[in-house]
Amino acid sequence: MQNLLKILLRYSNFLVFIALEVAAFLLISMNNAYPRSSILSTANNFIAWQHAQISEIGGYFSLRSQNEQLAAENTALRNRICSMDSAKNNAPIHYEQAKVVQMTTDQLHNYLTINRGSKDGIQRGQGVRNEDGVVGIVRTVGRNYSVVQPLINTLTNLSCRFVKNDYIGTLQWDGKDNRFALLTDVAAHMVVNPGDTIVTSGLSPVFPEGIPVGIVENSTLREGESYYTIRVRLNTNFKRLKYVEVVQNAHQNELEELTNGMD
């Protein structure tokens, strides 16, 4: 207590000065319109800034919720379309929505993990897509999670076709840029142009025919070679991948068993 009194006595002049300054400031601001309005304006600006920050944070969480809802609605709509197609073509396709919870994009053998597993009907070998196009193929399945081998994995091969003429080729990633892959087995007599659209061929039960894959960026045909080297810009942006859909083909197991029986 004595130490506190000593400190107060030592700095008494300074404390009195501060008290007088505060009193003078309050008197001026209360009796003069301009200083008062400046103070109120500053306070209002600060409060508005706080509200803007709170609103932005709230908007972020609201946007995330809206994105989840939109993804669910897209899946429901796609399933409705598939139900109508199934009635016409006997091709029972169902899409199971999932969220990407883990992913790599800078390795030769990239992978991603989704929050759906065997309890959701996920099986090894099923295709995975998003609203933009093909994502990859399910390789490992747990009860609650599954690991997907994406297009940007050098072990992935995908049968594709040109929309303009149905010509078939094989898509494979070269391990360089996660935005592009190479389309091979396209013969030299084909006319290949930048902007040509590439989709799934439907020659495998993994993916239905016509799912978008990418757009031809450029092509090379060296003298004496029989096949093009075609660079395809992938539709799927793996750096921003968040929601996907697993392709569940009710006939996939039967088709694969028949195919394996031919080996």
Foldseek 3Di string as FASTA:
>chain_A
DVVVVVVCVVCVVVVVVVVVVVVVLVVCLVPPPVNVVVVVVVVVVVVVVVVVVVVVVVVVVVVVVVVVVVQVVVQVVVQVVQVVVCVVPVWRKHKDKWWWDDWDQQFQFIKTKTQAFVCNVDDFQAFKAGPQFGFFTWHAGDHGMTMGGGQSHQVDKAWKAWPVPRHIWIWGAPNDDSQKIKTKPAFPVDDDDFFTWMWGNCPASRDHTDTGFFTWHDWDDDPPDTMITTMTGGRDDPVPGTMMITIDTPCRVVVVVVVVVVD
